[in-house]
């Protein structure tokens, strides 16, 4: 890998981390998606998975920790860690495929 490729990878990593830091501030507070559609149709919280077939609900319902404070710093740290882990796994897969 030459110096130009290393520079490009470093810039890409910095861009990914900057986007991770900014995303809690620029994300919509009222996203339009599956949950919003379910709420609009009136079936969003009518039942629990556990009530239907005995399977317990998700560990993180609504993608949130139950006791965690609503803190954007915690979200930013989680996004940065997720970004680094994802990029690291991608790098490892790339090396494995190259061999």
PDB file of N, CA and C in Angstrom:
ATOM      1  N   UNK A   1       0.859  -1.172   0.000  1.00  0.00           N
ATOM      2  CA  UNK A   1       0.000   0.000   0.000  1.00  0.00           C
ATOM      3  C   UNK A   1       0.907   1.238   0.000  1.00  0.00           C
ATOM      4  N   UNK A   2       0.693   2.083  -0.958  1.00  0.00           N
ATOM      5  CA  UNK A   2       1.560   3.264  -1.050  1.00  0.00           C
ATOM      6  C   UNK A   2       1.007   4.405  -0.184  1.00  0.00           C
ATOM      7  N   UNK A   3       1.765   5.477  -0.121  1.00  0.00           N
ATOM      8  CA  UNK A   3       1.437   6.604   0.741  1.00  0.00           C
ATOM      9  C   UNK A   3       0.107   7.264   0.368  1.00  0.00           C
ATOM     10  N   UNK A   4      -0.195   7.331  -0.917  1.00  0.00           N
ATOM     11  CA  UNK A   4      -1.447   7.943  -1.372  1.00  0.00           C
ATOM     12  C   UNK A   4      -2.656   7.172  -0.861  1.00  0.00           C
ATOM     13  N   UNK A   5      -2.591   5.831  -0.870  1.00  0.00           N
ATOM     14  CA  UNK A   5      -3.680   5.008  -0.356  1.00  0.00           C
ATOM     15  C   UNK A   5      -3.855   5.193   1.151  1.00  0.00           C
ATOM     16  N   UNK A   6      -2.748   5.266   1.873  1.00  0.00           N
ATOM     17  CA  UNK A   6      -2.817   5.472   3.321  1.00  0.00           C
ATOM     18  C   UNK A   6      -3.448   6.823   3.652  1.00  0.00           C
ATOM     19  N   UNK A   7      -3.113   7.839   2.874  1.00  0.00           N
ATOM     20  CA  UNK A   7      -3.693   9.167   3.075  1.00  0.00           C
ATOM     21  C   UNK A   7      -5.195   9.133   2.817  1.00  0.00           C
ATOM     22  N   UNK A   8      -5.618   8.457   1.765  1.00  0.00           N
ATOM     23  CA  UNK A   8      -7.035   8.341   1.430  1.00  0.00           C
ATOM     24  C   UNK A   8      -7.801   7.608   2.527  1.00  0.00           C
ATOM     25  N   UNK A   9      -7.230   6.549   3.069  1.00  0.00           N
ATOM     26  CA  UNK A   9      -7.876   5.800   4.146  1.00  0.00           C
ATOM     27  C   UNK A   9      -7.982   6.660   5.402  1.00  0.00           C
ATOM     28  N   UNK A  10      -6.934   7.397   5.726  1.00  0.00           N
ATOM     29  CA  UNK A  10      -6.967   8.266   6.904  1.00  0.00           C
ATOM     30  C   UNK A  10      -8.038   9.348   6.762  1.00  0.00           C
ATOM     31  N   UNK A  11      -8.146   9.948   5.591  1.00  0.00           N
ATOM     32  CA  UNK A  11      -9.168  10.971   5.351  1.00  0.00           C
ATOM     33  C   UNK A  11     -10.563  10.358   5.461  1.00  0.00           C
ATOM     34  N   UNK A  12     -10.756   9.157   4.932  1.00  0.00           N
ATOM     35  CA  UNK A  12     -12.051   8.489   5.008  1.00  0.00           C
ATOM     36  C   UNK A  12     -12.440   8.188   6.455  1.00  0.00           C
ATOM     37  N   UNK A  13     -11.481   7.760   7.260  1.00  0.00           N
ATOM     38  CA  UNK A  13     -11.743   7.488   8.674  1.00  0.00           C
ATOM     39  C   UNK A  13     -12.135   8.767   9.403  1.00  0.00           C
ATOM     40  N   UNK A  14     -11.433   9.850   9.133  1.00  0.00           N
ATOM     41  CA  UNK A  14     -11.764  11.136   9.766  1.00  0.00           C
ATOM     42  C   UNK A  14     -13.172  11.578   9.358  1.00  0.00           C
ATOM     43  N   UNK A  15     -13.516  11.436   8.094  1.00  0.00           N
ATOM     44  CA  UNK A  15     -14.858  11.807   7.630  1.00  0.00           C
ATOM     45  C   UNK A  15     -15.919  10.953   8.322  1.00  0.00           C
ATOM     46  N   UNK A  16     -15.680   9.653   8.456  1.00  0.00           N
ATOM     47  CA  UNK A  16     -16.634   8.778   9.142  1.00  0.00           C
ATOM     48  C   UNK A  16     -16.822   9.198  10.599  1.00  0.00           C
ATOM     49  N   UNK A  17     -15.760   9.544  11.277  1.00  0.00           N
ATOM     50  CA  UNK A  17     -15.857   9.955  12.675  1.00  0.00           C
ATOM     51  C   UNK A  17     -16.559  11.303  12.799  1.00  0.00           C
ATOM     52  N   UNK A  18     -16.310  12.231  11.888  1.00  0.00           N
ATOM     53  CA  UNK A  18     -16.998  13.521  11.913  1.00  0.00           C
ATOM     54  C   UNK A  18     -18.500  13.325  11.702  1.00  0.00           C
ATOM     55  N   UNK A  19     -18.864  12.485  10.757  1.00  0.00           N
ATOM     56  CA  UNK A  19     -20.288  12.202  10.533  1.00  0.00           C
ATOM     57  C   UNK A  19     -20.897  11.550  11.771  1.00  0.00           C
ATOM     58  N   UNK A  20     -20.164  10.658  12.430  1.00  0.00           N
ATOM     59  CA  UNK A  20     -20.655  10.031  13.657  1.00  0.00           C
ATOM     60  C   UNK A  20     -20.892  11.066  14.754  1.00  0.00           C
ATOM     61  N   UNK A  21     -20.020  12.044  14.845  1.00  0.00           N
ATOM     62  CA  UNK A  21     -20.165  13.083  15.873  1.00  0.00           C
ATOM     63  C   UNK A  21     -21.328  14.021  15.579  1.00  0.00           C
ATOM     64  N   UNK A  22     -21.591  14.279  14.322  1.00  0.00           N
ATOM     65  CA  UNK A  22     -22.640  15.229  13.956  1.00  0.00           C
ATOM     66  C   UNK A  22     -24.023  14.599  13.831  1.00  0.00           C
ATOM     67  N   UNK A  23     -24.105  13.300  13.636  1.00  0.00           N
ATOM     68  CA  UNK A  23     -25.394  12.674  13.339  1.00  0.00           C
ATOM     69  C   UNK A  23     -26.454  12.839  14.431  1.00  0.00           C
ATOM     70  N   UNK A  24     -26.128  12.819  15.729  1.00  0.00           N
ATOM     71  CA  UNK A  24     -27.202  13.045  16.708  1.00  0.00           C
ATOM     72  C   UNK A  24     -27.814  14.443  16.607  1.00  0.00           C
ATOM     73  N   UNK A  25     -27.056  15.396  16.119  1.00  0.00           N
ATOM     74  CA  UNK A  25     -27.545  16.767  16.025  1.00  0.00           C
ATOM     75  C   UNK A  25     -28.345  17.021  14.740  1.00  0.00           C
ATOM     76  N   UNK A  26     -28.045  16.250  13.686  1.00  0.00           N
ATOM     77  CA  UNK A  26     -28.727  16.497  12.419  1.00  0.00           C
ATOM     78  C   UNK A  26     -29.815  15.469  12.117  1.00  0.00           C
ATOM     79  N   UNK A  27     -29.922  14.431  12.936  1.00  0.00           N
ATOM     80  CA  UNK A  27     -30.958  13.413  12.716  1.00  0.00           C
ATOM     81  C   UNK A  27     -32.325  13.989  13.070  1.00  0.00           C
ATOM     82  N   UNK A  28     -33.321  13.539  12.371  1.00  0.00           N
ATOM     83  CA  UNK A  28     -34.684  14.015  12.598  1.00  0.00           C
ATOM     84  C   UNK A  28     -35.220  13.485  13.919  1.00  0.00           C
ATOM     85  N   UNK A  29     -35.878  14.326  14.664  1.00  0.00           N
ATOM     86  CA  UNK A  29     -36.520  13.900  15.895  1.00  0.00           C
ATOM     87  C   UNK A  29     -37.825  13.171  15.641  1.00  0.00           C
ATOM     88  N   UNK A  30     -38.347  13.280  14.438  1.00  0.00           N
ATOM     89  CA  UNK A  30     -39.592  12.618  14.058  1.00  0.00           C
ATOM     90  C   UNK A  30     -39.373  11.890  12.733  1.00  0.00           C
ATOM     91  N   UNK A  31     -38.603  10.799  12.774  1.00  0.00           N
ATOM     92  CA  UNK A  31     -38.271  10.116  11.519  1.00  0.00           C
ATOM     93  C   UNK A  31     -39.483   9.449  10.896  1.00  0.00           C
ATOM     94  N   UNK A  32     -39.440   9.317   9.596  1.00  0.00           N
ATOM     95  CA  UNK A  32     -40.500   8.660   8.863  1.00  0.00           C
ATOM     96  C   UNK A  32     -40.002   7.278   8.481  1.00  0.00           C
ATOM     97  N   UNK A  33     -40.634   6.280   8.979  1.00  0.00           N
ATOM     98  CA  UNK A  33     -40.187   4.924   8.676  1.00  0.00           C
ATOM     99  C   UNK A  33     -41.217   3.918   9.112  1.00  0.00           C
ATOM    100  N   UNK A  34     -40.762   2.706   9.382  1.00  0.00           N
ATOM    101  CA  UNK A  34     -41.664   1.619   9.728  1.00  0.00           C
ATOM    102  C   UNK A  34     -42.439   1.911  11.006  1.00  0.00           C
ATOM    103  N   UNK A  35     -41.742   2.381  12.040  1.00  0.00           N
ATOM    104  CA  UNK A  35     -42.423   2.654  13.302  1.00  0.00           C
ATOM    105  C   UNK A  35     -43.442   3.788  13.150  1.00  0.00           C
ATOM    106  N   UNK A  36     -43.081   4.820  12.407  1.00  0.00           N
ATOM    107  CA  UNK A  36     -44.005   5.933  12.157  1.00  0.00           C
ATOM    108  C   UNK A  36     -45.232   5.446  11.394  1.00  0.00           C
ATOM    109  N   UNK A  37     -45.023   4.602  10.404  1.00  0.00           N
ATOM    110  CA  UNK A  37     -46.151   4.049   9.646  1.00  0.00           C
ATOM    111  C   UNK A  37     -47.045   3.197  10.535  1.00  0.00           C
ATOM    112  N   UNK A  38     -46.438   2.417  11.426  1.00  0.00           N
ATOM    113  CA  UNK A  38     -47.220   1.591  12.345  1.00  0.00           C
ATOM    114  C   UNK A  38     -48.016   2.467  13.304  1.00  0.00           C
ATOM    115  N   UNK A  39     -47.417   3.556  13.784  1.00  0.00           N
ATOM    116  CA  UNK A  39     -48.138   4.477  14.656  1.00  0.00           C
ATOM    117  C   UNK A  39     -49.306   5.122  13.923  1.00  0.00           C
ATOM    118  N   UNK A  40     -49.079   5.514  12.679  1.00  0.00           N
ATOM    119  CA  UNK A  40     -50.139   6.148  11.894  1.00  0.00           C
ATOM    120  C   UNK A  40     -51.305   5.196  11.642  1.00  0.00           C
ATOM    121  N   UNK A  41     -51.019   3.904  11.483  1.00  0.00           N
ATOM    122  CA  UNK A  41     -52.080   2.935  11.220  1.00  0.00           C
ATOM    123  C   UNK A  41     -52.719   2.411  12.502  1.00  0.00           C
ATOM    124  N   UNK A  42     -52.109   2.739  13.662  1.00  0.00           N
ATOM    125  CA  UNK A  42     -52.697   2.347  14.943  1.00  0.00           C
ATOM    126  C   UNK A  42     -52.311   0.980  15.438  1.00  0.00           C
ATOM    127  N   UNK A  43     -51.261   0.372  14.901  1.00  0.00           N
ATOM    128  CA  UNK A  43     -50.852  -0.954  15.348  1.00  0.00           C
ATOM    129  C   UNK A  43     -49.490  -0.951  16.022  1.00  0.00           C
ATOM    130  N   UNK A  44     -48.965   0.203  16.342  1.00  0.00           N
ATOM    131  CA  UNK A  44     -47.588   0.284  16.832  1.00  0.00           C
ATOM    132  C   UNK A  44     -47.388  -0.398  18.182  1.00  0.00           C
ATOM    133  N   UNK A  45     -48.175  -0.081  19.161  1.00  0.00           N
ATOM    134  CA  UNK A  45     -47.956  -0.607  20.509  1.00  0.00           C
ATOM    135  C   UNK A  45     -49.152  -1.423  20.986  1.00  0.00           C
ATOM    136  N   UNK A  46     -49.892  -2.019  20.068  1.00  0.00           N
ATOM    137  CA  UNK A  46     -51.083  -2.765  20.456  1.00  0.00           C
ATOM    138  C   UNK A  46     -50.760  -4.105  21.102  1.00  0.00           C
ATOM    139  N   UNK A  47     -49.613  -4.662  20.818  1.00  0.00           N
ATOM    140  CA  UNK A  47     -49.308  -5.981  21.330  1.00  0.00           C
ATOM    141  C   UNK A  47     -47.812  -6.117  21.538  1.00  0.00           C
ATOM    142  N   UNK A  48     -47.456  -7.153  22.266  1.00  0.00           N
ATOM    143  CA  UNK A  48     -46.065  -7.476  22.531  1.00  0.00           C
ATOM    144  C   UNK A  48     -45.770  -8.813  21.867  1.00  0.00           C
ATOM    145  N   UNK A  49     -44.546  -8.988  21.424  1.00  0.00           N
ATOM    146  CA  UNK A  49     -44.134 -10.267  20.821  1.00  0.00           C
ATOM    147  C   UNK A  49     -44.317 -11.391  21.830  1.00  0.00           C
ATOM    148  N   UNK A  50     -44.015 -11.096  23.101  1.00  0.00           N
ATOM    149  CA  UNK A  50     -44.129 -12.109  24.139  1.00  0.00           C
ATOM    150  C   UNK A  50     -45.570 -12.587  24.290  1.00  0.00           C
ATOM    151  N   UNK A  51     -46.534 -11.670  24.116  1.00  0.00           N
ATOM    152  CA  UNK A  51     -47.931 -12.057  24.220  1.00  0.00           C
ATOM    153  C   UNK A  51     -48.338 -12.996  23.087  1.00  0.00           C
ATOM    154  N   UNK A  52     -47.709 -12.864  21.939  1.00  0.00           N
ATOM    155  CA  UNK A  52     -48.107 -13.648  20.771  1.00  0.00           C
ATOM    156  C   UNK A  52     -47.573 -15.071  20.840  1.00  0.00           C
ATOM    157  N   UNK A  53     -46.258 -15.219  21.052  1.00  0.00           N
ATOM    158  CA  UNK A  53     -45.705 -16.567  20.966  1.00  0.00           C
ATOM    159  C   UNK A  53     -44.709 -16.905  22.077  1.00  0.00           C
ATOM    160  N   UNK A  54     -44.711 -16.183  23.156  1.00  0.00           N
ATOM    161  CA  UNK A  54     -43.862 -16.510  24.286  1.00  0.00           C
ATOM    162  C   UNK A  54     -42.420 -16.066  24.168  1.00  0.00           C
ATOM    163  N   UNK A  55     -42.055 -15.416  23.072  1.00  0.00           N
ATOM    164  CA  UNK A  55     -40.689 -14.924  22.905  1.00  0.00           C
ATOM    165  C   UNK A  55     -40.572 -13.584  23.622  1.00  0.00           C
ATOM    166  N   UNK A  56     -39.567 -13.412  24.490  1.00  0.00           N
ATOM    167  CA  UNK A  56     -39.441 -12.138  25.199  1.00  0.00           C
ATOM    168  C   UNK A  56     -39.165 -10.976  24.236  1.00  0.00           C
ATOM    169  N   UNK A  57     -39.508  -9.786  24.667  1.00  0.00           N
ATOM    170  CA  UNK A  57     -39.256  -8.596  23.857  1.00  0.00           C
ATOM    171  C   UNK A  57     -37.763  -8.392  23.651  1.00  0.00           C
ATOM    172  N   UNK A  58     -37.428  -7.468  22.790  1.00  0.00           N
ATOM    173  CA  UNK A  58     -36.035  -7.186  22.461  1.00  0.00           C
ATOM    174  C   UNK A  58     -35.270  -6.695  23.685  1.00  0.00           C
ATOM    175  N   UNK A  59     -33.961  -6.914  23.662  1.00  0.00           N
ATOM    176  CA  UNK A  59     -33.124  -6.430  24.756  1.00  0.00           C
ATOM    177  C   UNK A  59     -33.133  -4.911  24.825  1.00  0.00           C
ATOM    178  N   UNK A  60     -33.181  -4.254  23.676  1.00  0.00           N
ATOM    179  CA  UNK A  60     -33.174  -2.803  23.605  1.00  0.00           C
ATOM    180  C   UNK A  60     -34.403  -2.326  22.833  1.00  0.00           C
ATOM    181  N   UNK A  61     -35.579  -2.350  23.466  1.00  0.00           N
ATOM    182  CA  UNK A  61     -36.760  -1.928  22.724  1.00  0.00           C
ATOM    183  C   UNK A  61     -36.642  -0.474  22.281  1.00  0.00           C
ATOM    184  N   UNK A  62     -37.108  -0.193  21.098  1.00  0.00           N
ATOM    185  CA  UNK A  62     -37.023   1.149  20.498  1.00  0.00           C
ATOM    186  C   UNK A  62     -35.581   1.644  20.412  1.00  0.00           C
ATOM    187  N   UNK A  63     -34.639   0.703  20.303  1.00  0.00           N
ATOM    188  CA  UNK A  63     -33.226   1.017  20.114  1.00  0.00           C
ATOM    189  C   UNK A  63     -32.666   1.882  21.237  1.00  0.00           C
ATOM    190  N   UNK A  64     -33.068   1.633  22.467  1.00  0.00           N
ATOM    191  CA  UNK A  64     -32.599   2.447  23.593  1.00  0.00           C
ATOM    192  C   UNK A  64     -32.363   1.556  24.806  1.00  0.00           C
ATOM    193  N   UNK A  65     -31.435   1.974  25.651  1.00  0.00           N
ATOM    194  CA  UNK A  65     -31.231   1.323  26.933  1.00  0.00           C
ATOM    195  C   UNK A  65     -32.284   1.851  27.902  1.00  0.00           C
ATOM    196  N   UNK A  66     -32.823   0.986  28.756  1.00  0.00           N
ATOM    197  CA  UNK A  66     -33.900   1.402  29.645  1.00  0.00           C
ATOM    198  C   UNK A  66     -33.435   2.430  30.677  1.00  0.00           C
ATOM    199  N   UNK A  67     -32.260   2.236  31.254  1.00  0.00           N
ATOM    200  CA  UNK A  67     -31.814   3.101  32.344  1.00  0.00           C
ATOM    201  C   UNK A  67     -30.795   4.148  31.912  1.00  0.00           C
ATOM    202  N   UNK A  68     -30.464   4.211  30.643  1.00  0.00           N
ATOM    203  CA  UNK A  68     -29.445   5.156  30.183  1.00  0.00           C
ATOM    204  C   UNK A  68     -30.018   6.569  30.119  1.00  0.00           C
ATOM    205  N   UNK A  69     -29.232   7.547  30.505  1.00  0.00           N
ATOM    206  CA  UNK A  69     -29.709   8.924  30.384  1.00  0.00           C
ATOM    207  C   UNK A  69     -29.828   9.319  28.913  1.00  0.00           C
ATOM    208  N   UNK A  70     -30.722  10.229  28.621  1.00  0.00           N
ATOM    209  CA  UNK A  70     -30.896  10.696  27.251  1.00  0.00           C
ATOM    210  C   UNK A  70     -29.805  11.728  26.978  1.00  0.00           C
ATOM    211  N   UNK A  71     -28.623  11.232  26.725  1.00  0.00           N
ATOM    212  CA  UNK A  71     -27.457  12.083  26.599  1.00  0.00           C
ATOM    213  C   UNK A  71     -26.855  11.920  25.207  1.00  0.00           C
ATOM    214  N   UNK A  72     -26.667  13.030  24.516  1.00  0.00           N
ATOM    215  CA  UNK A  72     -26.096  12.945  23.168  1.00  0.00           C
ATOM    216  C   UNK A  72     -24.628  12.548  23.206  1.00  0.00           C
ATOM    217  N   UNK A  73     -23.944  12.808  24.311  1.00  0.00           N
ATOM    218  CA  UNK A  73     -22.545  12.393  24.414  1.00  0.00           C
ATOM    219  C   UNK A  73     -22.440  10.876  24.378  1.00  0.00           C
ATOM    220  N   UNK A  74     -23.341  10.202  25.072  1.00  0.00           N
ATOM    221  CA  UNK A  74     -23.355   8.744  25.058  1.00  0.00           C
ATOM    222  C   UNK A  74     -23.629   8.222  23.652  1.00  0.00           C
ATOM    223  N   UNK A  75     -24.529   8.884  22.940  1.00  0.00           N
ATOM    224  CA  UNK A  75     -24.829   8.484  21.565  1.00  0.00           C
ATOM    225  C   UNK A  75     -23.610   8.676  20.671  1.00  0.00           C
ATOM    226  N   UNK A  76     -22.922   9.782  20.837  1.00  0.00           N
ATOM    227  CA  UNK A  76     -21.743  10.061  20.012  1.00  0.00           C
ATOM    228  C   UNK A  76     -20.662   9.021  20.268  1.00  0.00           C
ATOM    229  N   UNK A  77     -20.429   8.695  21.534  1.00  0.00           N
ATOM    230  CA  UNK A  77     -19.413   7.686  21.863  1.00  0.00           C
ATOM    231  C   UNK A  77     -19.789   6.343  21.251  1.00  0.00           C
ATOM    232  N   UNK A  78     -21.060   5.963  21.357  1.00  0.00           N
ATOM    233  CA  UNK A  78     -21.507   4.696  20.770  1.00  0.00           C
ATOM    234  C   UNK A  78     -21.350   4.704  19.253  1.00  0.00           C
ATOM    235  N   UNK A  79     -21.653   5.827  18.611  1.00  0.00           N
ATOM    236  CA  UNK A  79     -21.496   5.918  17.157  1.00  0.00           C
ATOM    237  C   UNK A  79     -20.035   5.832  16.741  1.00  0.00           C
ATOM    238  N   UNK A  80     -19.153   6.483  17.482  1.00  0.00           N
ATOM    239  CA  UNK A  80     -17.721   6.429  17.150  1.00  0.00           C
ATOM    240  C   UNK A  80     -17.187   5.011  17.332  1.00  0.00           C
ATOM    241  N   UNK A  81     -17.565   4.361  18.430  1.00  0.00           N
ATOM    242  CA  UNK A  81     -17.118   2.985  18.653  1.00  0.00           C
ATOM    243  C   UNK A  81     -17.655   2.069  17.551  1.00  0.00           C
ATOM    244  N   UNK A  82     -18.920   2.230  17.195  1.00  0.00           N
ATOM    245  CA  UNK A  82     -19.495   1.428  16.121  1.00  0.00           C
ATOM    246  C   UNK A  82     -18.823   1.663  14.793  1.00  0.00           C
ATOM    247  N   UNK A  83     -18.476   2.913  14.516  1.00  0.00           N
ATOM    248  CA  UNK A  83     -17.781   3.241  13.268  1.00  0.00           C
ATOM    249  C   UNK A  83     -16.411   2.592  13.217  1.00  0.00           C
ATOM    250  N   UNK A  84     -15.667   2.694  14.305  1.00  0.00           N
ATOM    251  CA  UNK A  84     -14.322   2.118  14.349  1.00  0.00           C
ATOM    252  C   UNK A  84     -14.377   0.594  14.236  1.00  0.00           C
ATOM    253  N   UNK A  85     -15.330  -0.027  14.940  1.00  0.00           N
ATOM    254  CA  UNK A  85     -15.468  -1.496  14.871  1.00  0.00           C
ATOM    255  C   UNK A  85     -15.836  -1.929  13.454  1.00  0.00           C
ATOM    256  N   UNK A  86     -16.784  -1.206  12.827  1.00  0.00           N
ATOM    257  CA  UNK A  86     -17.195  -1.552  11.474  1.00  0.00           C
ATOM    258  C   UNK A  86     -16.055  -1.394  10.478  1.00  0.00           C
ATOM    259  N   UNK A  87     -15.325  -0.292  10.574  1.00  0.00           N
ATOM    260  CA  UNK A  87     -14.193  -0.095   9.672  1.00  0.00           C
ATOM    261  C   UNK A  87     -13.106  -1.139   9.910  1.00  0.00           C
ATOM    262  N   UNK A  88     -12.881  -1.495  11.175  1.00  0.00           N
ATOM    263  CA  UNK A  88     -11.894  -2.520  11.493  1.00  0.00           C
ATOM    264  C   UNK A  88     -12.279  -3.885  10.937  1.00  0.00           C
ATOM    265  N   UNK A  89     -13.548  -4.238  11.096  1.00  0.00           N
ATOM    266  CA  UNK A  89     -14.011  -5.519  10.549  1.00  0.00           C
ATOM    267  C   UNK A  89     -13.936  -5.521   9.025  1.00  0.00           C
ATOM    268  N   UNK A  90     -14.267  -4.398   8.414  1.00  0.00           N
ATOM    269  CA  UNK A  90     -14.143  -4.297   6.956  1.00  0.00           C
ATOM    270  C   UNK A  90     -12.708  -4.463   6.502  1.00  0.00           C
ATOM    271  N   UNK A  91     -11.780  -3.883   7.253  1.00  0.00           N
ATOM    272  CA  UNK A  91     -10.357  -4.009   6.928  1.00  0.00           C
ATOM    273  C   UNK A  91      -9.900  -5.464   7.045  1.00  0.00           C
ATOM    274  N   UNK A  92     -10.339  -6.132   8.118  1.00  0.00           N
ATOM    275  CA  UNK A  92      -9.969  -7.538   8.316  1.00  0.00           C
ATOM    276  C   UNK A  92     -10.536  -8.418   7.209  1.00  0.00           C
ATOM    277  N   UNK A  93     -11.781  -8.174   6.840  1.00  0.00           N
ATOM    278  CA  UNK A  93     -12.387  -8.942   5.742  1.00  0.00           C
ATOM    279  C   UNK A  93     -11.638  -8.679   4.441  1.00  0.00           C
ATOM    280  N   UNK A  94     -11.256  -7.422   4.206  1.00  0.00           N
ATOM    281  CA  UNK A  94     -10.490  -7.088   3.008  1.00  0.00           C
ATOM    282  C   UNK A  94      -9.162  -7.817   2.947  1.00  0.00           C
ATOM    283  N   UNK A  95      -8.472  -7.902   4.081  1.00  0.00           N
ATOM    284  CA  UNK A  95      -7.203  -8.623   4.126  1.00  0.00           C
ATOM    285  C   UNK A  95      -7.443 -10.120   3.879  1.00  0.00           C
ATOM    286  N   UNK A  96      -8.502 -10.667   4.483  1.00  0.00           N
ATOM    287  CA  UNK A  96      -8.783 -12.096   4.296  1.00  0.00           C
ATOM    288  C   UNK A  96      -9.136 -12.405   2.845  1.00  0.00           C
ATOM    289  N   UNK A  97      -9.892 -11.531   2.209  1.00  0.00           N
ATOM    290  CA  UNK A  97     -10.271 -11.759   0.804  1.00  0.00           C
ATOM    291  C   UNK A  97      -9.061 -11.615  -0.106  1.00  0.00           C
ATOM    292  N   UNK A  98      -8.195 -10.691   0.228  1.00  0.00           N
ATOM    293  CA  UNK A  98      -7.000 -10.461  -0.598  1.00  0.00           C
ATOM    294  C   UNK A  98      -6.086 -11.691  -0.597  1.00  0.00           C
ATOM    295  N   UNK A  99      -5.995 -12.367   0.541  1.00  0.00           N
ATOM    296  CA  UNK A  99      -5.148 -13.554   0.633  1.00  0.00           C
ATOM    297  C   UNK A  99      -5.805 -14.683  -0.109  1.00  0.00           C
TER     298      UNK A  99
END
